[in-house]
Structures are given as structure tokens and as C-alpha cells.
Amino acid sequence: MTYRTSMQIVADVLTVTEQTGQEGIKTTSLLTKANLSHSRLEKFVKNLTGAGLINKIKV
């Protein structure tokens, strides 16, 4: 069993969000496709939104 590095996880999250396009992706789908727990995903989303790489849309 090998663990993913933070960079690999960031790449996975960005790849999944890029594949969904402008309409966005729901948290549950992103959790499943990026294979992350909710708490870990929130940390990565916070960092990526802070860096301006993704946008978080509140509904």
C-alpha cells in the first residue's frame, strides 16, 4: 500500500474539478472521485481556493 503525497492529492482534486467544467461538482462527488475524507478534502479546498486555483460556490 502506497500513500499519496499532498501534490498527488492536489493533482487529483484539480483533475476532477477540471473534468466537471464550469457547472462545478458537489462535495460528495468530489470526495468519491478524489478518494478523500471530508475533513481532508476541506483542508485541500481551503488551500486551493486561497491560491485562486478553484472557486467554491455556496448554494
PDB file of N, CA and C in Angstrom:
ATOM      1  N   MET A   1       0.841  -1.178   0.000  1.00  0.00           N
ATOM      2  CA  MET A   1       0.000   0.000   0.000  1.00  0.00           C
ATOM      3  C   MET A   1       0.888   1.244   0.000  1.00  0.00           C
ATOM      4  N   THR A   2       0.649   2.112  -0.949  1.00  0.00           N
ATOM      5  CA  THR A   2       1.423   3.347  -1.001  1.00  0.00           C
ATOM      6  C   THR A   2       0.509   4.527  -0.699  1.00  0.00           C
ATOM      7  N   TYR A   3       1.055   5.500  -0.025  1.00  0.00           N
ATOM      8  CA  TYR A   3       0.308   6.697   0.319  1.00  0.00           C
ATOM      9  C   TYR A   3       0.560   7.767  -0.731  1.00  0.00           C
ATOM     10  N   ARG A   4      -0.457   8.582  -0.978  1.00  0.00           N
ATOM     11  CA  ARG A   4      -0.301   9.685  -1.927  1.00  0.00           C
ATOM     12  C   ARG A   4       0.325  10.884  -1.227  1.00  0.00           C
ATOM     13  N   THR A   5       1.139  11.585  -1.951  1.00  0.00           N
ATOM     14  CA  THR A   5       1.701  12.822  -1.416  1.00  0.00           C
ATOM     15  C   THR A   5       0.648  13.924  -1.539  1.00  0.00           C
ATOM     16  N   SER A   6       0.896  15.029  -0.862  1.00  0.00           N
ATOM     17  CA  SER A   6      -0.019  16.169  -0.954  1.00  0.00           C
ATOM     18  C   SER A   6      -0.137  16.660  -2.392  1.00  0.00           C
ATOM     19  N   MET A   7       0.969  16.648  -3.107  1.00  0.00           N
ATOM     20  CA  MET A   7       0.943  17.090  -4.506  1.00  0.00           C
ATOM     21  C   MET A   7       0.091  16.162  -5.374  1.00  0.00           C
ATOM     22  N   GLN A   8       0.137  14.873  -5.100  1.00  0.00           N
ATOM     23  CA  GLN A   8      -0.690  13.933  -5.850  1.00  0.00           C
ATOM     24  C   GLN A   8      -2.171  14.164  -5.559  1.00  0.00           C
ATOM     25  N   ILE A   9      -2.496  14.458  -4.305  1.00  0.00           N
ATOM     26  CA  ILE A   9      -3.884  14.721  -3.931  1.00  0.00           C
ATOM     27  C   ILE A   9      -4.367  16.007  -4.588  1.00  0.00           C
ATOM     28  N   VAL A  10      -3.536  17.047  -4.568  1.00  0.00           N
ATOM     29  CA  VAL A  10      -3.887  18.307  -5.232  1.00  0.00           C
ATOM     30  C   VAL A  10      -4.126  18.058  -6.718  1.00  0.00           C
ATOM     31  N   ALA A  11      -3.268  17.287  -7.336  1.00  0.00           N
ATOM     32  CA  ALA A  11      -3.427  16.966  -8.758  1.00  0.00           C
ATOM     33  C   ALA A  11      -4.741  16.232  -9.003  1.00  0.00           C
ATOM     34  N   ASP A  12      -5.089  15.293  -8.131  1.00  0.00           N
ATOM     35  CA  ASP A  12      -6.346  14.558  -8.269  1.00  0.00           C
ATOM     36  C   ASP A  12      -7.546  15.495  -8.145  1.00  0.00           C
ATOM     37  N   VAL A  13      -7.524  16.377  -7.153  1.00  0.00           N
ATOM     38  CA  VAL A  13      -8.637  17.309  -6.937  1.00  0.00           C
ATOM     39  C   VAL A  13      -8.770  18.246  -8.136  1.00  0.00           C
ATOM     40  N   LEU A  14      -7.660  18.782  -8.613  1.00  0.00           N
ATOM     41  CA  LEU A  14      -7.708  19.690  -9.762  1.00  0.00           C
ATOM     42  C   LEU A  14      -8.166  18.973 -11.029  1.00  0.00           C
ATOM     43  N   THR A  15      -7.737  17.743 -11.212  1.00  0.00           N
ATOM     44  CA  THR A  15      -8.156  16.970 -12.381  1.00  0.00           C
ATOM     45  C   THR A  15      -9.658  16.734 -12.363  1.00  0.00           C
ATOM     46  N   VAL A  16     -10.175  16.335 -11.211  1.00  0.00           N
ATOM     47  CA  VAL A  16     -11.612  16.071 -11.089  1.00  0.00           C
ATOM     48  C   VAL A  16     -12.412  17.347 -11.320  1.00  0.00           C
ATOM     49  N   THR A  17     -11.986  18.454 -10.727  1.00  0.00           N
ATOM     50  CA  THR A  17     -12.732  19.706 -10.909  1.00  0.00           C
ATOM     51  C   THR A  17     -12.640  20.201 -12.352  1.00  0.00           C
ATOM     52  N   GLU A  18     -11.509  19.985 -12.994  1.00  0.00           N
ATOM     53  CA  GLU A  18     -11.364  20.393 -14.394  1.00  0.00           C
ATOM     54  C   GLU A  18     -12.285  19.574 -15.297  1.00  0.00           C
ATOM     55  N   GLN A  19     -12.431  18.298 -15.006  1.00  0.00           N
ATOM     56  CA  GLN A  19     -13.260  17.418 -15.825  1.00  0.00           C
ATOM     57  C   GLN A  19     -14.739  17.774 -15.741  1.00  0.00           C
ATOM     58  N   THR A  20     -15.163  18.383 -14.631  1.00  0.00           N
ATOM     59  CA  THR A  20     -16.581  18.717 -14.472  1.00  0.00           C
ATOM     60  C   THR A  20     -16.946  20.006 -15.183  1.00  0.00           C
ATOM     61  N   GLY A  21     -15.976  20.849 -15.464  1.00  0.00           N
ATOM     62  CA  GLY A  21     -16.230  22.071 -16.216  1.00  0.00           C
ATOM     63  C   GLY A  21     -16.802  23.195 -15.368  1.00  0.00           C
ATOM     64  N   GLN A  22     -17.437  24.152 -16.036  1.00  0.00           N
ATOM     65  CA  GLN A  22     -17.933  25.365 -15.393  1.00  0.00           C
ATOM     66  C   GLN A  22     -19.099  25.111 -14.440  1.00  0.00           C
ATOM     67  N   GLU A  23     -19.845  24.043 -14.640  1.00  0.00           N
ATOM     68  CA  GLU A  23     -21.017  23.792 -13.797  1.00  0.00           C
ATOM     69  C   GLU A  23     -20.652  23.370 -12.380  1.00  0.00           C
ATOM     70  N   GLY A  24     -19.417  22.977 -12.164  1.00  0.00           N
ATOM     71  CA  GLY A  24     -18.960  22.627 -10.821  1.00  0.00           C
ATOM     72  C   GLY A  24     -19.258  21.187 -10.451  1.00  0.00           C
ATOM     73  N   ILE A  25     -18.872  20.840  -9.223  1.00  0.00           N
ATOM     74  CA  ILE A  25     -19.060  19.483  -8.721  1.00  0.00           C
ATOM     75  C   ILE A  25     -19.478  19.566  -7.264  1.00  0.00           C
ATOM     76  N   LYS A  26     -20.353  18.676  -6.868  1.00  0.00           N
ATOM     77  CA  LYS A  26     -20.799  18.647  -5.472  1.00  0.00           C
ATOM     78  C   LYS A  26     -19.736  17.977  -4.612  1.00  0.00           C
ATOM     79  N   THR A  27     -19.766  18.330  -3.337  1.00  0.00           N
ATOM     80  CA  THR A  27     -18.760  17.835  -2.398  1.00  0.00           C
ATOM     81  C   THR A  27     -18.708  16.310  -2.378  1.00  0.00           C
ATOM     82  N   THR A  28     -19.869  15.669  -2.337  1.00  0.00           N
ATOM     83  CA  THR A  28     -19.908  14.210  -2.253  1.00  0.00           C
ATOM     84  C   THR A  28     -19.250  13.562  -3.466  1.00  0.00           C
ATOM     85  N   SER A  29     -19.519  14.092  -4.640  1.00  0.00           N
ATOM     86  CA  SER A  29     -18.903  13.545  -5.854  1.00  0.00           C
ATOM     87  C   SER A  29     -17.396  13.749  -5.846  1.00  0.00           C
ATOM     88  N   LEU A  30     -16.976  14.925  -5.391  1.00  0.00           N
ATOM     89  CA  LEU A  30     -15.542  15.206  -5.324  1.00  0.00           C
ATOM     90  C   LEU A  30     -14.857  14.291  -4.312  1.00  0.00           C
ATOM     91  N   LEU A  31     -15.509  14.042  -3.178  1.00  0.00           N
ATOM     92  CA  LEU A  31     -14.962  13.123  -2.170  1.00  0.00           C
ATOM     93  C   LEU A  31     -14.716  11.745  -2.777  1.00  0.00           C
ATOM     94  N   THR A  32     -15.716  11.267  -3.495  1.00  0.00           N
ATOM     95  CA  THR A  32     -15.640   9.928  -4.071  1.00  0.00           C
ATOM     96  C   THR A  32     -14.580   9.842  -5.164  1.00  0.00           C
ATOM     97  N   LYS A  33     -14.607  10.798  -6.089  1.00  0.00           N
ATOM     98  CA  LYS A  33     -13.692  10.737  -7.230  1.00  0.00           C
ATOM     99  C   LYS A  33     -12.243  11.002  -6.843  1.00  0.00           C
ATOM    100  N   ALA A  34     -12.026  11.847  -5.824  1.00  0.00           N
ATOM    101  CA  ALA A  34     -10.658  12.133  -5.374  1.00  0.00           C
ATOM    102  C   ALA A  34     -10.219  11.173  -4.271  1.00  0.00           C
ATOM    103  N   ASN A  35     -11.145  10.338  -3.793  1.00  0.00           N
ATOM    104  CA  ASN A  35     -10.867   9.336  -2.762  1.00  0.00           C
ATOM    105  C   ASN A  35     -10.291   9.972  -1.495  1.00  0.00           C
ATOM    106  N   LEU A  36     -11.050  10.936  -0.928  1.00  0.00           N
ATOM    107  CA  LEU A  36     -10.628  11.635   0.283  1.00  0.00           C
ATOM    108  C   LEU A  36     -11.746  11.640   1.305  1.00  0.00           C
ATOM    109  N   SER A  37     -11.371  11.806   2.568  1.00  0.00           N
ATOM    110  CA  SER A  37     -12.370  12.010   3.610  1.00  0.00           C
ATOM    111  C   SER A  37     -12.816  13.465   3.561  1.00  0.00           C
ATOM    112  N   HIS A  38     -13.937  13.762   4.175  1.00  0.00           N
ATOM    113  CA  HIS A  38     -14.469  15.124   4.154  1.00  0.00           C
ATOM    114  C   HIS A  38     -13.509  16.109   4.809  1.00  0.00           C
ATOM    115  N   SER A  39     -12.936  15.733   5.940  1.00  0.00           N
ATOM    116  CA  SER A  39     -12.038  16.657   6.644  1.00  0.00           C
ATOM    117  C   SER A  39     -10.779  16.955   5.822  1.00  0.00           C
ATOM    118  N   ARG A  40     -10.226  15.945   5.174  1.00  0.00           N
ATOM    119  CA  ARG A  40      -9.029  16.173   4.337  1.00  0.00           C
ATOM    120  C   ARG A  40      -9.374  16.999   3.113  1.00  0.00           C
ATOM    121  N   LEU A  41     -10.530  16.717   2.518  1.00  0.00           N
ATOM    122  CA  LEU A  41     -10.935  17.477   1.339  1.00  0.00           C
ATOM    123  C   LEU A  41     -11.111  18.950   1.683  1.00  0.00           C
ATOM    124  N   GLU A  42     -11.723  19.254   2.816  1.00  0.00           N
ATOM    125  CA  GLU A  42     -11.938  20.648   3.210  1.00  0.00           C
ATOM    126  C   GLU A  42     -10.617  21.400   3.345  1.00  0.00           C
ATOM    127  N   LYS A  43      -9.599  20.747   3.879  1.00  0.00           N
ATOM    128  CA  LYS A  43      -8.284  21.388   4.004  1.00  0.00           C
ATOM    129  C   LYS A  43      -7.701  21.707   2.630  1.00  0.00           C
ATOM    130  N   PHE A  44      -7.811  20.762   1.712  1.00  0.00           N
ATOM    131  CA  PHE A  44      -7.272  20.984   0.372  1.00  0.00           C
ATOM    132  C   PHE A  44      -8.075  22.039  -0.379  1.00  0.00           C
ATOM    133  N   VAL A  45      -9.393  22.015  -0.241  1.00  0.00           N
ATOM    134  CA  VAL A  45     -10.232  23.015  -0.906  1.00  0.00           C
ATOM    135  C   VAL A  45      -9.916  24.406  -0.375  1.00  0.00           C
ATOM    136  N   LYS A  46      -9.716  24.520   0.927  1.00  0.00           N
ATOM    137  CA  LYS A  46      -9.372  25.820   1.522  1.00  0.00           C
ATOM    138  C   LYS A  46      -8.061  26.342   0.941  1.00  0.00           C
ATOM    139  N   ASN A  47      -7.066  25.483   0.849  1.00  0.00           N
ATOM    140  CA  ASN A  47      -5.769  25.886   0.293  1.00  0.00           C
ATOM    141  C   ASN A  47      -5.865  26.239  -1.193  1.00  0.00           C
ATOM    142  N   LEU A  48      -6.613  25.455  -1.943  1.00  0.00           N
ATOM    143  CA  LEU A  48      -6.726  25.699  -3.384  1.00  0.00           C
ATOM    144  C   LEU A  48      -7.543  26.951  -3.688  1.00  0.00           C
ATOM    145  N   THR A  49      -8.585  27.214  -2.902  1.00  0.00           N
ATOM    146  CA  THR A  49      -9.349  28.447  -3.107  1.00  0.00           C
ATOM    147  C   THR A  49      -8.529  29.655  -2.692  1.00  0.00           C
ATOM    148  N   GLY A  50      -7.750  29.519  -1.640  1.00  0.00           N
ATOM    149  CA  GLY A  50      -6.880  30.608  -1.206  1.00  0.00           C
ATOM    150  C   GLY A  50      -5.828  30.952  -2.247  1.00  0.00           C
ATOM    151  N   ALA A  51      -5.380  29.942  -2.981  1.00  0.00           N
ATOM    152  CA  ALA A  51      -4.382  30.150  -4.031  1.00  0.00           C
ATOM    153  C   ALA A  51      -5.021  30.599  -5.347  1.00  0.00           C
ATOM    154  N   GLY A  52      -6.343  30.612  -5.385  1.00  0.00           N
ATOM    155  CA  GLY A  52      -7.040  31.040  -6.596  1.00  0.00           C
ATOM    156  C   GLY A  52      -7.113  29.985  -7.683  1.00  0.00           C
ATOM    157  N   LEU A  53      -6.859  28.734  -7.328  1.00  0.00           N
ATOM    158  CA  LEU A  53      -6.874  27.665  -8.329  1.00  0.00           C
ATOM    159  C   LEU A  53      -8.271  27.109  -8.577  1.00  0.00           C
ATOM    160  N   ILE A  54      -9.138  27.176  -7.562  1.00  0.00           N
ATOM    161  CA  ILE A  54     -10.529  26.760  -7.716  1.00  0.00           C
ATOM    162  C   ILE A  54     -11.417  27.775  -7.006  1.00  0.00           C
ATOM    163  N   ASN A  55     -12.692  27.763  -7.358  1.00  0.00           N
ATOM    164  CA  ASN A  55     -13.678  28.619  -6.702  1.00  0.00           C
ATOM    165  C   ASN A  55     -14.669  27.746  -5.965  1.00  0.00           C
ATOM    166  N   LYS A  56     -15.074  28.181  -4.795  1.00  0.00           N
ATOM    167  CA  LYS A  56     -16.077  27.465  -4.022  1.00  0.00           C
ATOM    168  C   LYS A  56     -17.380  28.233  -4.150  1.00  0.00           C
ATOM    169  N   ILE A  57     -18.419  27.553  -4.610  1.00  0.00           N
ATOM    170  CA  ILE A  57     -19.722  28.180  -4.806  1.00  0.00           C
ATOM    171  C   ILE A  57     -20.652  27.690  -3.707  1.00  0.00           C
ATOM    172  N   LYS A  58     -21.168  28.635  -2.929  1.00  0.00           N
ATOM    173  CA  LYS A  58     -22.126  28.279  -1.878  1.00  0.00           C
ATOM    174  C   LYS A  58     -23.530  28.420  -2.434  1.00  0.00           C
ATOM    175  N   VAL A  59     -24.335  27.371  -2.230  1.00  0.00           N
ATOM    176  CA  VAL A  59     -25.706  27.372  -2.748  1.00  0.00           C
ATOM    177  C   VAL A  59     -26.674  27.627  -1.629  1.00  0.00           C
TER     178      VAL A  59
END
